[in-house]
Amino acid sequence: MNIAKEITKLRKTAGLTQVELAARAGVGLRFLRDLEQGKSTVRLDKVNQVLALFGCELGVRMKP
């Protein structure tokens, strides 16, 4: 799964602009643009703030 493409798809399906989604998620516009461009330096907690609006969450599995 490509999280950048998926978030862009979710946003467009919801009829939101990047500005609107950033405001609703409580993240900066620059962060959202970086996220949708697939930058690898984004913070997981902020990604989850955006995904929470769509009832989703990303996590990391640790092997014991």
C-alpha atoms as a PDB file:
ATOM      1  CA  MET A   1       0.000   0.000   0.000  1.00  0.00           C
ATOM      2  CA  ASN A   2       1.239   3.457  -0.851  1.00  0.00           C
ATOM      3  CA  ILE A   3       0.078   5.669   2.020  1.00  0.00           C
ATOM      4  CA  ALA A   4       0.632   8.884   0.035  1.00  0.00           C
ATOM      5  CA  LYS A   5      -1.671   7.771  -2.783  1.00  0.00           C
ATOM      6  CA  GLU A   6      -4.208   6.362  -0.346  1.00  0.00           C
ATOM      7  CA  ILE A   7      -4.488   9.608   1.642  1.00  0.00           C
ATOM      8  CA  THR A   8      -4.809  11.625  -1.555  1.00  0.00           C
ATOM      9  CA  LYS A   9      -7.557   9.267  -2.725  1.00  0.00           C
ATOM     10  CA  LEU A  10      -9.398   9.478   0.615  1.00  0.00           C
ATOM     11  CA  ARG A  11      -9.161  13.268   0.604  1.00  0.00           C
ATOM     12  CA  LYS A  12     -10.468  13.609  -2.931  1.00  0.00           C
ATOM     13  CA  THR A  13     -13.276  11.109  -2.326  1.00  0.00           C
ATOM     14  CA  ALA A  14     -14.327  13.207   0.677  1.00  0.00           C
ATOM     15  CA  GLY A  15     -14.275  16.305  -1.531  1.00  0.00           C
ATOM     16  CA  LEU A  16     -11.657  18.084   0.559  1.00  0.00           C
ATOM     17  CA  THR A  17      -8.818  20.332  -0.518  1.00  0.00           C
ATOM     18  CA  GLN A  18      -5.413  19.949   1.085  1.00  0.00           C
ATOM     19  CA  VAL A  19      -6.066  23.151   3.035  1.00  0.00           C
ATOM     20  CA  GLU A  20      -9.389  21.820   4.369  1.00  0.00           C
ATOM     21  CA  LEU A  21      -7.985  18.423   5.334  1.00  0.00           C
ATOM     22  CA  ALA A  22      -4.967  19.956   7.072  1.00  0.00           C
ATOM     23  CA  ALA A  23      -7.236  22.254   9.093  1.00  0.00           C
ATOM     24  CA  ARG A  24      -9.639  19.478  10.070  1.00  0.00           C
ATOM     25  CA  ALA A  25      -6.812  17.130  11.037  1.00  0.00           C
ATOM     26  CA  GLY A  26      -4.950  19.796  12.999  1.00  0.00           C
ATOM     27  CA  VAL A  27      -1.756  19.486  10.972  1.00  0.00           C
ATOM     28  CA  GLY A  28       0.090  22.036   8.888  1.00  0.00           C
ATOM     29  CA  LEU A  29      -0.472  22.373   5.165  1.00  0.00           C
ATOM     30  CA  ARG A  30       3.228  21.786   4.516  1.00  0.00           C
ATOM     31  CA  PHE A  31       3.038  18.494   6.450  1.00  0.00           C
ATOM     32  CA  LEU A  32       0.024  17.337   4.445  1.00  0.00           C
ATOM     33  CA  ARG A  33       1.701  18.238   1.151  1.00  0.00           C
ATOM     34  CA  ASP A  34       4.844  16.330   2.190  1.00  0.00           C
ATOM     35  CA  LEU A  35       2.682  13.381   3.211  1.00  0.00           C
ATOM     36  CA  GLU A  36       0.831  13.281  -0.113  1.00  0.00           C
ATOM     37  CA  GLN A  37       4.143  13.561  -1.982  1.00  0.00           C
ATOM     38  CA  GLY A  38       5.421  10.474  -0.179  1.00  0.00           C
ATOM     39  CA  LYS A  39       8.217  12.126   1.804  1.00  0.00           C
ATOM     40  CA  SER A  40       9.747   9.587   4.163  1.00  0.00           C
ATOM     41  CA  THR A  41      10.413  11.996   7.027  1.00  0.00           C
ATOM     42  CA  VAL A  42       6.816  12.484   8.171  1.00  0.00           C
ATOM     43  CA  ARG A  43       5.871  11.640  11.759  1.00  0.00           C
ATOM     44  CA  LEU A  44       3.639   8.615  12.345  1.00  0.00           C
ATOM     45  CA  ASP A  45       1.594  10.375  15.036  1.00  0.00           C
ATOM     46  CA  LYS A  46       0.719  13.168  12.613  1.00  0.00           C
ATOM     47  CA  VAL A  47      -0.066  10.679   9.829  1.00  0.00           C
ATOM     48  CA  ASN A  48      -2.508   9.063  12.240  1.00  0.00           C
ATOM     49  CA  GLN A  49      -4.089  12.452  12.994  1.00  0.00           C
ATOM     50  CA  VAL A  50      -4.946  12.722   9.314  1.00  0.00           C
ATOM     51  CA  LEU A  51      -6.061   9.100   8.996  1.00  0.00           C
ATOM     52  CA  ALA A  52      -8.295   9.379  12.071  1.00  0.00           C
ATOM     53  CA  LEU A  53     -10.664  11.576  10.072  1.00  0.00           C
ATOM     54  CA  PHE A  54     -11.274   8.586   7.811  1.00  0.00           C
ATOM     55  CA  GLY A  55     -11.514   6.017  10.614  1.00  0.00           C
ATOM     56  CA  CYS A  56      -8.067   4.586   9.860  1.00  0.00           C
ATOM     57  CA  GLU A  57      -4.753   4.245  11.667  1.00  0.00           C
ATOM     58  CA  LEU A  58      -1.216   3.127  10.809  1.00  0.00           C
ATOM     59  CA  GLY A  59       0.826   1.091  13.209  1.00  0.00           C
ATOM     60  CA  VAL A  60       4.147  -0.647  13.502  1.00  0.00           C
ATOM     61  CA  ARG A  61       4.461  -4.320  14.340  1.00  0.00           C
ATOM     62  CA  MET A  62       7.395  -5.343  16.426  1.00  0.00           C
ATOM     63  CA  LYS A  63       8.618  -8.913  16.401  1.00  0.00           C
ATOM     64  CA  PRO A  64       9.271 -10.322  19.871  1.00  0.00           C
END
